[in-house]
Amino acid sequence: MSSPAPKSPEQSDKSRKYDRQIRLWGEHGQSLLESSTICLLNATALGCEVLKSLVLPGIGGFTIVDGNVVTEDDLGINFFLDASFLGQSKARACMQLLQELNTDVNGDFVDESVDWILSNRPAFFDTFDVVIASNLNEKALWGLSDRLWEANIPFIYCRSLGFFGSIRLQIKEHCVIESHPDNRQYDLRLEQPFPALQKHFESTEITSKVPWLLVLNKFLQVWRQKYGGHFPANYKQKSELKEMIRAAMTADEENYEEAIKAVNTALGGGNVPSSIKSIFQDNACTNLNKQSSPFWIITKALKEFVENDNNGLLPLPGVLPDMTADTEPYITLQNIYRQQALHDADNVYRKCQKYLKELGLPEDTISEKTVRLFCKEAAGLAVLRGTKISDENAKSSNILSFVDDLEIQGTLAEHYVALRAYERFVSECGNVPGECYVENDVKELKTVASKMLSDWGVHASISDDLIHEICRYGGSEIHSISAFIGGCVAQEVIKIVTKQYKPIDNTFLYNAITSETTTFKL
């Protein structure tokens, strides 16, 4: 019998444990996740589902704030509670059971209400990376929104009510380097080859064993000679280039086939997209100060590099797609791109050091590794600036544009208003609509919703069916809805703490009755 294979020295136990997610956000993303702490306000079924989806991938720590005890109603909707916890602290019980999912995660709890924390310990929230809340009345929501906005702490408010769910992200500014675009274009620089690449093109013989990039470049030059130095710019011209390559094939040559397939996607790399131009023009980029984040300092250096040193092109990422070729010519080509990418990144890094010196900031504020990643991902940079939840309390142009239609009935705009009215009802009446008397609360909730719309200057109404549906739920959660919304919220938290992928901007609504979702910005 053969001996078992030895453990790979390159992969730790933790790397094996989190292997699948590390493939999504890398070791550096996992490190950020493991160093983050989250605060959950109210241990509802939704809140526990959010934490479950953060504890399993290894969030650094979490604290549950809830002043209630476990009741019979909790047992029917929250899978993280059982009868043995009846009458005990809900925060403690949920913390204990959630922590069992992953011993790497630190859990804590506070047996106090959100209102008490806001009134007596407002600085309590300042140590967390993200605060998540559910099941708040309007007064507590506005107070929490103001406090977290002032402290510049990302805040996610989520709801799960019957068959309806929502997520609202409040964040002042969120800068993303690794946005992971769905349709990523490789930057091959065929239109403007850098000197090392041009030399390689000129000195390499085209055979069936070289990467398709060289094949495409050869015929691209032939096409340009025919058409006065221009590059193919439309479908017809690119089709003609494809036919030119196909006509030159003498056998079943895979690199020629790959070159034909790549014609539509291999051109145009390195150009600055409009989204990046707007970031370059942002006031935070043009006017640096001592409080500027590393993101904006690197962006300023990147802008200078593009405009003054690189003919208006972004730094070369240095990444090549897979190509059918012999190993040696492919690795040679790969090294040429990598060396140029390092050269560009080093140029940007030197400019960063210049700005740090001008601002009187330490040299180690920005590392070479960070700049190299920044340059590699330069085409997909993103900046999100949010709005404050409490500003929705006043007449807002964003809200008006969302519910501007005189007939909002039957749309998710109607559900947004109904959920807002639900929270105002709880604040004004002191109980959940439908908790005791459904029919009486239907009339009161409709009055609250009508007044809210009137305050916004919107001449519309909420359907009686939706008002009755809200009251019929009596504030209850359906676990499948809470699980779905909880997974979505956890996904947004991971985006924020790893600074990868673009989070929602800034509101998400879900109607499980019609399986309808929408996102919009308030």
Protein backbone atom coordinates (compact mmCIF):
# COMPACT_ATOMS: atom_id res chain seq x y z
CA MET A 1 0.00 0.00 0.00
CA SER A 2 1.37 3.40 -0.92
CA SER A 3 1.87 6.00 1.76
CA PRO A 4 -0.52 8.96 1.87
CA ALA A 5 0.51 12.02 -0.11
CA PRO A 6 2.28 14.61 2.03
CA LYS A 7 0.55 17.86 2.83
CA SER A 8 1.35 20.66 0.43
CA PRO A 9 3.70 23.11 2.13
CA GLU A 10 2.16 25.90 0.07
CA GLN A 11 -1.35 25.60 1.50
CA SER A 12 -2.15 25.97 5.19
CA ASP A 13 -5.10 24.35 6.94
CA LYS A 14 -6.89 27.70 6.85
CA SER A 15 -6.27 28.03 3.10
CA ARG A 16 -7.76 24.59 2.51
CA LYS A 17 -10.74 25.43 4.71
CA TYR A 18 -11.55 28.61 2.78
CA ASP A 19 -10.24 27.50 -0.61
CA ARG A 20 -13.41 28.14 -2.62
CA GLN A 21 -13.95 31.69 -1.41
CA ILE A 22 -10.25 32.57 -1.69
CA ARG A 23 -10.64 31.81 -5.39
CA LEU A 24 -13.16 34.66 -5.47
CA TRP A 25 -11.45 37.37 -3.42
CA GLY A 26 -7.89 36.10 -2.93
CA GLU A 27 -5.72 35.75 0.17
CA HIS A 28 -5.66 39.53 0.66
CA GLY A 29 -9.47 39.64 0.59
CA GLN A 30 -9.69 36.78 3.06
CA SER A 31 -7.25 38.58 5.36
CA LEU A 32 -9.45 41.70 5.32
CA LEU A 33 -12.51 39.57 6.06
CA GLU A 34 -10.79 37.87 9.01
CA SER A 35 -9.75 41.22 10.51
CA SER A 36 -13.25 42.73 10.32
CA THR A 37 -15.80 43.00 13.12
CA ILE A 38 -19.54 43.30 12.56
CA CYS A 39 -22.32 44.53 14.82
CA LEU A 40 -25.83 43.11 14.47
CA LEU A 41 -28.70 45.02 16.02
CA ASN A 42 -31.64 42.73 16.85
CA ALA A 43 -31.29 38.95 16.66
CA THR A 44 -34.19 38.39 14.29
CA ALA A 45 -34.31 35.42 11.95
CA LEU A 46 -33.02 37.75 9.23
CA GLY A 47 -30.20 39.05 11.42
CA CYS A 48 -29.08 35.54 12.31
CA GLU A 49 -29.14 34.48 8.66
CA VAL A 50 -26.87 37.42 7.84
CA LEU A 51 -24.41 36.40 10.55
CA LYS A 52 -24.54 32.74 9.51
CA SER A 53 -23.37 33.73 6.03
CA LEU A 54 -20.54 35.79 7.53
CA VAL A 55 -19.44 33.36 10.23
CA LEU A 56 -19.05 30.46 7.79
CA PRO A 57 -16.53 32.26 5.51
CA GLY A 58 -14.60 33.46 8.57
CA ILE A 59 -15.48 37.02 9.55
CA GLY A 60 -13.15 38.18 12.31
CA GLY A 61 -15.78 38.77 14.95
CA PHE A 62 -19.39 39.79 15.58
CA THR A 63 -21.42 41.34 18.39
CA ILE A 64 -25.18 40.91 18.74
CA VAL A 65 -27.13 43.71 20.43
CA ASP A 66 -30.62 42.70 21.59
CA GLY A 67 -32.36 43.40 24.89
CA ASN A 68 -35.12 40.81 24.44
CA VAL A 69 -35.50 37.26 25.73
CA VAL A 70 -36.36 34.18 23.67
CA THR A 71 -40.12 33.60 23.26
CA GLU A 72 -42.26 30.87 21.70
CA ASP A 73 -42.70 33.03 18.59
CA ASP A 74 -38.93 33.12 18.08
CA LEU A 75 -38.70 29.32 17.95
CA GLY A 76 -40.96 29.11 14.92
CA ILE A 77 -38.90 31.39 12.67
CA ASN A 78 -35.31 31.37 13.95
CA PHE A 79 -33.32 28.19 13.29
CA PHE A 80 -30.62 29.35 15.71
CA LEU A 81 -32.89 29.02 18.75
CA ASP A 82 -34.50 26.05 20.46
CA ALA A 83 -36.82 25.46 23.43
CA SER A 84 -33.93 25.17 25.89
CA PHE A 85 -33.35 28.94 25.51
CA LEU A 86 -36.91 30.05 26.34
CA GLY A 87 -36.87 33.04 28.69
CA GLN A 88 -33.11 33.51 28.31
CA SER A 89 -31.18 36.30 26.61
CA LYS A 90 -31.80 36.17 22.87
CA ALA A 91 -28.48 37.87 22.11
CA ARG A 92 -26.52 35.32 24.18
CA ALA A 93 -28.38 32.31 22.76
CA CYS A 94 -27.90 33.34 19.12
CA MET A 95 -24.27 34.24 19.72
CA GLN A 96 -23.50 30.82 21.21
CA LEU A 97 -25.16 28.83 18.42
CA LEU A 98 -23.74 30.97 15.62
CA GLN A 99 -20.23 30.72 17.01
CA GLU A 100 -20.45 26.93 16.87
CA LEU A 101 -20.49 27.19 13.07
CA ASN A 102 -16.88 28.37 12.97
CA THR A 103 -14.48 28.28 15.93
CA ASP A 104 -12.17 30.75 14.13
CA VAL A 105 -14.73 33.52 14.70
CA ASN A 106 -15.07 35.56 17.90
CA GLY A 107 -18.61 36.21 19.12
CA ASP A 108 -19.96 38.65 21.71
CA PHE A 109 -23.35 39.97 22.82
CA VAL A 110 -24.93 42.96 24.60
CA ASP A 111 -28.24 42.58 26.46
CA GLU A 112 -29.53 46.09 25.67
CA SER A 113 -31.92 47.65 23.20
CA VAL A 114 -30.83 49.82 20.28
CA ASP A 115 -32.59 52.82 21.85
CA TRP A 116 -30.64 52.40 25.10
CA ILE A 117 -27.31 52.09 23.29
CA LEU A 118 -28.02 55.23 21.24
CA SER A 119 -28.99 57.21 24.33
CA ASN A 120 -26.31 56.01 26.74
CA ARG A 121 -23.37 54.59 24.72
CA PRO A 122 -23.40 56.14 21.22
CA ALA A 123 -19.62 55.64 20.88
CA PHE A 124 -20.23 51.87 21.19
CA PHE A 125 -20.55 51.59 17.39
CA ASP A 126 -17.24 53.28 16.57
CA THR A 127 -15.15 50.10 16.77
CA PHE A 128 -17.07 48.15 14.11
CA ASP A 129 -16.36 47.92 10.40
CA VAL A 130 -20.02 47.49 9.46
CA VAL A 131 -23.27 47.78 11.45
CA ILE A 132 -26.31 45.74 10.39
CA ALA A 133 -29.81 46.27 11.75
CA SER A 134 -33.27 44.87 11.20
CA ASN A 135 -36.70 45.32 12.76
CA LEU A 136 -36.29 48.95 13.89
CA ASN A 137 -38.95 51.57 14.39
CA GLU A 138 -38.57 54.80 12.43
CA LYS A 139 -37.26 56.87 15.33
CA ALA A 140 -34.47 54.39 16.15
CA LEU A 141 -33.62 54.03 12.46
CA TRP A 142 -33.19 57.78 11.97
CA GLY A 143 -31.09 58.13 15.13
CA LEU A 144 -28.85 55.22 14.19
CA SER A 145 -28.50 56.52 10.65
CA ASP A 146 -27.32 59.94 11.87
CA ARG A 147 -24.86 58.47 14.38
CA LEU A 148 -23.23 56.04 11.94
CA TRP A 149 -23.06 58.65 9.16
CA GLU A 150 -21.26 61.00 11.53
CA ALA A 151 -18.82 58.22 12.51
CA ASN A 152 -18.35 57.22 8.84
CA ILE A 153 -19.29 53.60 9.51
CA PRO A 154 -21.08 51.63 6.77
CA PHE A 155 -24.62 50.77 7.80
CA ILE A 156 -26.99 48.21 6.30
CA TYR A 157 -30.66 48.24 7.26
CA CYS A 158 -32.60 45.19 6.14
CA ARG A 159 -36.20 44.08 6.43
CA SER A 160 -37.97 40.75 6.22
CA LEU A 161 -41.72 41.07 6.57
CA GLY A 162 -43.92 38.27 5.37
CA PHE A 163 -43.22 37.78 1.67
CA PHE A 164 -41.42 41.12 1.33
CA GLY A 165 -37.78 41.99 1.88
CA SER A 166 -35.49 44.98 1.43
CA ILE A 167 -31.90 46.13 1.89
CA ARG A 168 -30.73 49.72 2.28
CA LEU A 169 -26.99 50.46 2.24
CA GLN A 170 -25.79 53.71 3.84
CA ILE A 171 -22.16 54.54 3.13
CA LYS A 172 -20.43 57.90 2.66
CA GLU A 173 -17.75 56.83 0.21
CA HIS A 174 -16.62 53.41 -0.90
CA CYS A 175 -13.68 53.02 -3.28
CA VAL A 176 -13.24 49.72 -5.12
CA ILE A 177 -10.00 48.63 -6.76
CA GLU A 178 -10.98 45.07 -7.67
CA SER A 179 -14.46 45.45 -9.12
CA HIS A 180 -14.29 42.11 -11.03
CA PRO A 181 -16.25 43.27 -14.12
CA ASP A 182 -18.39 40.60 -15.78
CA ASN A 183 -16.98 41.17 -19.27
CA ARG A 184 -13.33 41.83 -18.64
CA GLN A 185 -11.30 42.84 -21.70
CA TYR A 186 -7.67 41.84 -21.92
CA ASP A 187 -5.36 44.78 -22.56
CA LEU A 188 -3.00 43.47 -25.26
CA ARG A 189 -1.86 46.84 -26.58
CA LEU A 190 -1.90 45.72 -30.23
CA GLU A 191 -2.72 49.20 -31.55
CA GLN A 192 0.17 50.81 -29.65
CA PRO A 193 2.71 48.09 -28.83
CA PHE A 194 5.38 49.10 -26.32
CA PRO A 195 9.02 48.79 -27.50
CA ALA A 196 9.72 45.31 -26.08
CA LEU A 197 6.53 43.92 -27.59
CA GLN A 198 7.19 45.57 -30.97
CA LYS A 199 10.71 44.08 -31.02
CA HIS A 200 9.27 40.64 -30.22
CA PHE A 201 6.73 40.93 -33.02
CA GLU A 202 9.44 41.85 -35.51
CA SER A 203 11.88 39.11 -34.49
CA THR A 204 9.50 36.14 -34.17
CA GLU A 205 8.63 33.87 -37.06
CA ILE A 206 4.95 33.01 -37.33
CA THR A 207 4.35 29.26 -37.14
CA SER A 208 1.56 27.03 -35.90
CA LYS A 209 3.36 26.82 -32.53
CA VAL A 210 3.37 30.51 -31.53
CA PRO A 211 0.58 32.20 -29.51
CA TRP A 212 -2.37 33.53 -31.51
CA LEU A 213 -1.45 37.07 -30.49
CA LEU A 214 1.46 37.06 -32.90
CA VAL A 215 -0.72 35.63 -35.67
CA LEU A 216 -3.31 38.35 -35.16
CA ASN A 217 -0.67 41.08 -35.11
CA LYS A 218 0.81 39.85 -38.42
CA PHE A 219 -2.50 40.07 -40.26
CA LEU A 220 -3.44 43.26 -38.49
CA GLN A 221 -0.39 44.90 -40.06
CA VAL A 222 -1.33 43.51 -43.47
CA TRP A 223 -4.85 44.91 -43.07
CA ARG A 224 -3.48 48.34 -42.03
CA GLN A 225 -1.18 48.51 -45.07
CA LYS A 226 -4.20 47.88 -47.25
CA TYR A 227 -6.29 50.59 -45.56
CA GLY A 228 -3.88 53.44 -44.99
CA GLY A 229 -2.74 52.58 -41.47
CA HIS A 230 -6.23 52.44 -39.94
CA PHE A 231 -7.35 49.70 -37.56
CA PRO A 232 -10.57 47.75 -38.16
CA ALA A 233 -13.27 49.64 -36.26
CA ASN A 234 -16.60 48.06 -37.13
CA TYR A 235 -18.18 44.68 -37.68
CA LYS A 236 -17.66 44.69 -41.43
CA GLN A 237 -13.98 45.57 -41.17
CA LYS A 238 -13.34 43.01 -38.44
CA SER A 239 -15.11 40.36 -40.50
CA GLU A 240 -12.80 41.15 -43.40
CA LEU A 241 -9.77 40.74 -41.11
CA LYS A 242 -11.12 37.37 -39.98
CA GLU A 243 -11.50 36.21 -43.56
CA MET A 244 -7.94 37.34 -44.30
CA ILE A 245 -6.61 35.14 -41.48
CA ARG A 246 -8.79 32.20 -42.49
CA ALA A 247 -7.62 32.39 -46.13
CA ALA A 248 -4.00 32.08 -44.99
CA MET A 249 -4.59 28.82 -43.11
CA THR A 250 -2.99 25.77 -44.75
CA ALA A 251 -4.06 23.19 -42.20
CA ASP A 252 -5.99 22.79 -38.96
CA GLU A 253 -3.98 25.43 -37.10
CA GLU A 254 -5.40 26.14 -33.64
CA ASN A 255 -3.55 29.39 -33.12
CA TYR A 256 -5.03 30.76 -36.35
CA GLU A 257 -8.52 29.70 -35.21
CA GLU A 258 -7.96 31.42 -31.87
CA ALA A 259 -6.75 34.57 -33.64
CA ILE A 260 -9.96 34.67 -35.68
CA LYS A 261 -12.09 34.33 -32.52
CA ALA A 262 -10.08 37.05 -30.76
CA VAL A 263 -10.54 39.74 -33.43
CA ASN A 264 -13.67 41.15 -31.75
CA THR A 265 -12.13 41.39 -28.27
CA ALA A 266 -8.38 41.88 -28.68
CA LEU A 267 -8.45 45.51 -29.81
CA GLY A 268 -9.10 48.66 -27.80
CA GLY A 269 -7.13 47.76 -24.67
CA GLY A 270 -5.53 50.49 -22.59
CA ASN A 271 -7.98 53.26 -23.45
CA VAL A 272 -9.36 55.20 -20.48
CA PRO A 273 -13.11 54.46 -20.11
CA SER A 274 -15.54 57.26 -19.25
CA SER A 275 -16.00 55.91 -15.71
CA ILE A 276 -12.27 56.30 -15.01
CA LYS A 277 -12.20 59.76 -16.62
CA SER A 278 -14.88 60.88 -14.16
CA ILE A 279 -12.79 59.52 -11.27
CA PHE A 280 -9.76 61.45 -12.57
CA GLN A 281 -11.89 64.61 -12.60
CA ASP A 282 -13.23 64.06 -9.09
CA ASN A 283 -12.41 66.78 -6.57
CA ALA A 284 -10.92 64.15 -4.22
CA CYS A 285 -8.40 63.30 -6.94
CA THR A 286 -7.50 66.81 -8.06
CA ASN A 287 -7.22 68.31 -4.57
CA LEU A 288 -5.24 66.02 -2.29
CA ASN A 289 -4.73 66.79 1.40
CA LYS A 290 -3.39 65.04 4.50
CA GLN A 291 -6.74 63.33 5.02
CA SER A 292 -6.78 61.87 1.49
CA SER A 293 -7.03 58.08 1.45
CA PRO A 294 -4.37 55.96 -0.30
CA PHE A 295 -6.95 55.30 -3.04
CA TRP A 296 -7.08 58.96 -4.05
CA ILE A 297 -3.32 59.47 -3.78
CA ILE A 298 -2.69 56.51 -6.10
CA THR A 299 -5.43 57.74 -8.43
CA LYS A 300 -3.74 61.14 -8.68
CA ALA A 301 -0.41 59.42 -9.50
CA LEU A 302 -2.19 57.20 -12.03
CA LYS A 303 -3.77 60.21 -13.71
CA GLU A 304 -0.38 61.92 -14.01
CA PHE A 305 1.14 58.76 -15.49
CA VAL A 306 -1.65 58.39 -18.06
CA GLU A 307 -1.65 62.01 -19.15
CA ASN A 308 2.09 62.78 -19.09
CA ASP A 309 4.00 59.52 -19.48
CA ASN A 310 1.88 56.94 -21.31
CA ASN A 311 0.25 58.63 -24.31
CA GLY A 312 -3.15 58.69 -22.64
CA LEU A 313 -3.18 54.95 -21.95
CA LEU A 314 -3.68 53.12 -18.66
CA PRO A 315 -0.82 51.08 -17.15
CA LEU A 316 -0.44 47.65 -18.70
CA PRO A 317 -2.09 45.00 -16.48
CA GLY A 318 0.39 42.37 -17.67
CA VAL A 319 -2.17 39.56 -17.83
CA LEU A 320 -2.56 37.34 -20.88
CA PRO A 321 -5.42 34.98 -21.72
CA ASP A 322 -4.71 31.29 -22.25
CA MET A 323 -3.34 30.49 -25.71
CA THR A 324 -2.64 27.28 -27.58
CA ALA A 325 1.13 27.36 -28.20
CA ASP A 326 4.38 25.70 -27.29
CA THR A 327 5.42 26.48 -23.72
CA GLU A 328 8.54 28.49 -24.47
CA PRO A 329 7.04 31.09 -26.87
CA TYR A 330 4.03 31.58 -24.59
CA ILE A 331 6.19 32.10 -21.47
CA THR A 332 8.44 34.48 -23.41
CA LEU A 333 5.42 36.55 -24.43
CA GLN A 334 4.03 36.41 -20.91
CA ASN A 335 7.29 37.70 -19.43
CA ILE A 336 7.37 40.61 -21.89
CA TYR A 337 3.92 41.74 -20.70
CA ARG A 338 4.78 41.20 -17.03
CA GLN A 339 7.99 43.23 -17.26
CA GLN A 340 6.20 46.14 -18.91
CA ALA A 341 3.44 45.99 -16.29
CA LEU A 342 6.06 46.17 -13.51
CA HIS A 343 7.73 49.09 -15.27
CA ASP A 344 4.44 51.02 -15.47
CA ALA A 345 3.55 50.25 -11.84
CA ASP A 346 6.99 51.35 -10.64
CA ASN A 347 6.50 54.64 -12.46
CA VAL A 348 3.15 55.18 -10.71
CA TYR A 349 4.67 54.16 -7.36
CA ARG A 350 7.40 56.82 -7.67
CA LYS A 351 4.73 59.43 -8.29
CA CYS A 352 2.85 58.21 -5.18
CA GLN A 353 5.99 58.69 -3.12
CA LYS A 354 6.30 62.22 -4.50
CA TYR A 355 2.75 63.07 -3.40
CA LEU A 356 3.24 61.47 0.03
CA LYS A 357 6.32 63.63 0.54
CA GLU A 358 4.43 66.77 -0.51
CA LEU A 359 1.62 65.94 1.91
CA GLY A 360 4.00 65.14 4.77
CA LEU A 361 2.77 61.56 5.05
CA PRO A 362 4.96 58.50 5.82
CA GLU A 363 6.51 56.69 2.85
CA ASP A 364 5.03 53.36 3.95
CA THR A 365 1.48 54.74 3.71
CA ILE A 366 1.32 53.15 0.25
CA SER A 367 3.17 49.93 -0.60
CA GLU A 368 4.53 48.81 -3.96
CA LYS A 369 2.27 45.77 -3.78
CA THR A 370 -0.81 47.98 -3.45
CA VAL A 371 0.22 50.13 -6.42
CA ARG A 372 0.85 47.08 -8.59
CA LEU A 373 -2.62 45.74 -7.82
CA PHE A 374 -4.08 49.20 -8.46
CA CYS A 375 -2.40 49.43 -11.87
CA LYS A 376 -3.45 45.90 -12.79
CA GLU A 377 -7.10 46.73 -12.03
CA ALA A 378 -7.03 50.36 -13.23
CA ALA A 379 -9.67 49.90 -15.95
CA GLY A 380 -12.28 48.75 -13.40
CA LEU A 381 -11.86 51.25 -10.56
CA ALA A 382 -15.14 52.36 -8.99
CA VAL A 383 -16.23 54.96 -6.44
CA LEU A 384 -19.61 54.79 -4.70
CA ARG A 385 -20.98 57.73 -2.73
CA GLY A 386 -24.14 57.08 -0.82
CA THR A 387 -26.88 59.00 0.94
CA LYS A 388 -28.06 59.05 4.52
CA ILE A 389 -31.13 56.98 5.43
CA SER A 390 -32.47 59.67 7.74
CA ASP A 391 -32.56 62.10 4.80
CA GLU A 392 -35.43 60.03 3.42
CA ASN A 393 -37.49 61.50 6.25
CA ALA A 394 -37.65 64.83 4.43
CA LYS A 395 -38.85 65.66 0.95
CA SER A 396 -36.15 64.27 -1.34
CA SER A 397 -35.65 64.60 -5.09
CA ASN A 398 -34.44 60.99 -5.21
CA ILE A 399 -37.59 59.73 -3.56
CA LEU A 400 -39.72 61.94 -5.77
CA SER A 401 -38.10 60.52 -8.90
CA PHE A 402 -38.75 57.01 -7.63
CA VAL A 403 -42.43 57.48 -6.71
CA ASP A 404 -43.12 60.28 -9.18
CA ASP A 405 -45.64 58.19 -11.04
CA LEU A 406 -49.17 59.10 -10.00
CA GLU A 407 -50.00 55.42 -10.27
CA ILE A 408 -47.45 53.50 -8.20
CA GLN A 409 -49.83 50.69 -7.36
CA GLY A 410 -48.60 47.31 -8.52
CA THR A 411 -44.94 48.39 -8.58
CA LEU A 412 -42.14 47.88 -6.09
CA ALA A 413 -42.25 51.63 -5.44
CA GLU A 414 -45.52 50.90 -3.69
CA HIS A 415 -43.82 48.27 -1.53
CA TYR A 416 -41.10 50.73 -0.57
CA VAL A 417 -43.71 53.23 0.64
CA ALA A 418 -45.62 50.50 2.47
CA LEU A 419 -42.51 49.32 4.35
CA ARG A 420 -41.64 52.92 5.26
CA ALA A 421 -45.20 53.40 6.51
CA TYR A 422 -44.89 50.21 8.54
CA GLU A 423 -41.90 51.61 10.46
CA ARG A 424 -43.62 54.95 11.04
CA PHE A 425 -46.68 53.12 12.33
CA VAL A 426 -44.53 51.27 14.89
CA SER A 427 -43.01 54.57 16.07
CA GLU A 428 -46.32 56.41 16.32
CA CYS A 429 -48.58 53.65 17.62
CA GLY A 430 -46.13 51.63 19.70
CA ASN A 431 -47.14 48.29 18.25
CA VAL A 432 -46.72 46.28 15.04
CA PRO A 433 -49.59 46.70 12.54
CA GLY A 434 -51.85 43.67 12.65
CA GLU A 435 -50.38 42.37 15.89
CA CYS A 436 -53.77 42.46 17.63
CA TYR A 437 -56.53 43.92 15.46
CA VAL A 438 -55.91 43.60 11.74
CA GLU A 439 -58.91 45.56 10.45
CA ASN A 440 -58.40 48.53 12.78
CA ASP A 441 -54.69 48.69 11.90
CA VAL A 442 -55.44 48.55 8.17
CA LYS A 443 -57.20 51.91 8.38
CA GLU A 444 -54.45 53.43 10.54
CA LEU A 445 -51.62 52.14 8.33
CA LYS A 446 -53.36 53.50 5.21
CA THR A 447 -53.64 56.90 6.92
CA VAL A 448 -49.93 56.84 7.80
CA ALA A 449 -48.98 55.93 4.22
CA SER A 450 -51.24 58.61 2.73
CA LYS A 451 -49.78 61.28 4.99
CA MET A 452 -46.24 60.18 4.09
CA LEU A 453 -46.96 60.50 0.38
CA SER A 454 -48.62 63.84 0.92
CA ASP A 455 -45.57 65.13 2.81
CA TRP A 456 -43.43 64.18 -0.21
CA GLY A 457 -45.79 66.04 -2.52
CA VAL A 458 -46.80 62.84 -4.31
CA HIS A 459 -50.47 62.51 -5.29
CA ALA A 460 -50.76 58.76 -5.18
CA SER A 461 -52.12 56.07 -2.89
CA ILE A 462 -51.26 52.59 -1.69
CA SER A 463 -53.60 49.76 -2.67
CA ASP A 464 -55.88 48.37 0.01
CA ASP A 465 -54.67 44.85 -0.83
CA LEU A 466 -51.04 45.71 -0.02
CA ILE A 467 -51.98 47.51 3.21
CA HIS A 468 -54.06 44.52 4.26
CA GLU A 469 -51.21 42.13 3.33
CA ILE A 470 -48.76 44.10 5.51
CA CYS A 471 -51.15 44.04 8.46
CA ARG A 472 -51.96 40.36 7.93
CA TYR A 473 -48.30 39.50 8.51
CA GLY A 474 -48.43 41.05 11.98
CA GLY A 475 -44.70 41.72 11.90
CA SER A 476 -43.84 38.05 11.32
CA GLU A 477 -40.95 36.71 9.27
CA ILE A 478 -40.97 33.76 6.88
CA HIS A 479 -37.71 31.91 7.23
CA SER A 480 -37.13 31.27 3.52
CA ILE A 481 -37.48 35.00 2.81
CA SER A 482 -35.17 35.89 5.70
CA ALA A 483 -32.62 33.34 4.47
CA PHE A 484 -32.64 34.84 0.96
CA ILE A 485 -32.36 38.45 2.13
CA GLY A 486 -29.79 37.42 4.77
CA GLY A 487 -27.57 35.87 2.11
CA CYS A 488 -27.83 39.03 -0.01
CA VAL A 489 -26.92 41.25 2.95
CA ALA A 490 -23.91 39.09 3.85
CA GLN A 491 -22.75 39.34 0.25
CA GLU A 492 -22.86 43.16 0.48
CA VAL A 493 -20.95 43.12 3.78
CA ILE A 494 -18.21 40.99 2.22
CA LYS A 495 -17.98 43.41 -0.71
CA ILE A 496 -17.52 46.30 1.71
CA VAL A 497 -14.92 44.76 4.02
CA THR A 498 -12.86 43.13 1.25
CA LYS A 499 -13.17 46.25 -0.94
CA GLN A 500 -13.93 44.01 -3.91
CA TYR A 501 -16.90 43.86 -6.26
CA LYS A 502 -19.41 46.73 -6.46
CA PRO A 503 -22.04 46.84 -3.70
CA ILE A 504 -25.66 47.79 -4.41
CA ASP A 505 -26.24 51.52 -4.82
CA ASN A 506 -28.15 51.75 -2.58
CA THR A 507 -31.58 50.10 -2.15
CA PHE A 508 -32.83 46.61 -3.00
CA LEU A 509 -36.45 45.43 -2.86
CA TYR A 510 -37.84 41.91 -3.13
CA ASN A 511 -41.40 40.70 -3.58
CA ALA A 512 -41.46 36.92 -3.16
CA ILE A 513 -45.10 36.71 -4.24
CA THR A 514 -44.20 37.75 -7.78
CA SER A 515 -40.46 36.83 -7.59
CA GLU A 516 -39.72 40.43 -8.52
CA THR A 517 -36.63 42.43 -7.49
CA THR A 518 -35.33 45.90 -8.18
CA THR A 519 -32.49 48.18 -7.15
CA PHE A 520 -32.52 51.96 -7.07
CA LYS A 521 -30.72 54.87 -5.43
CA LEU A 522 -32.39 57.09 -2.84
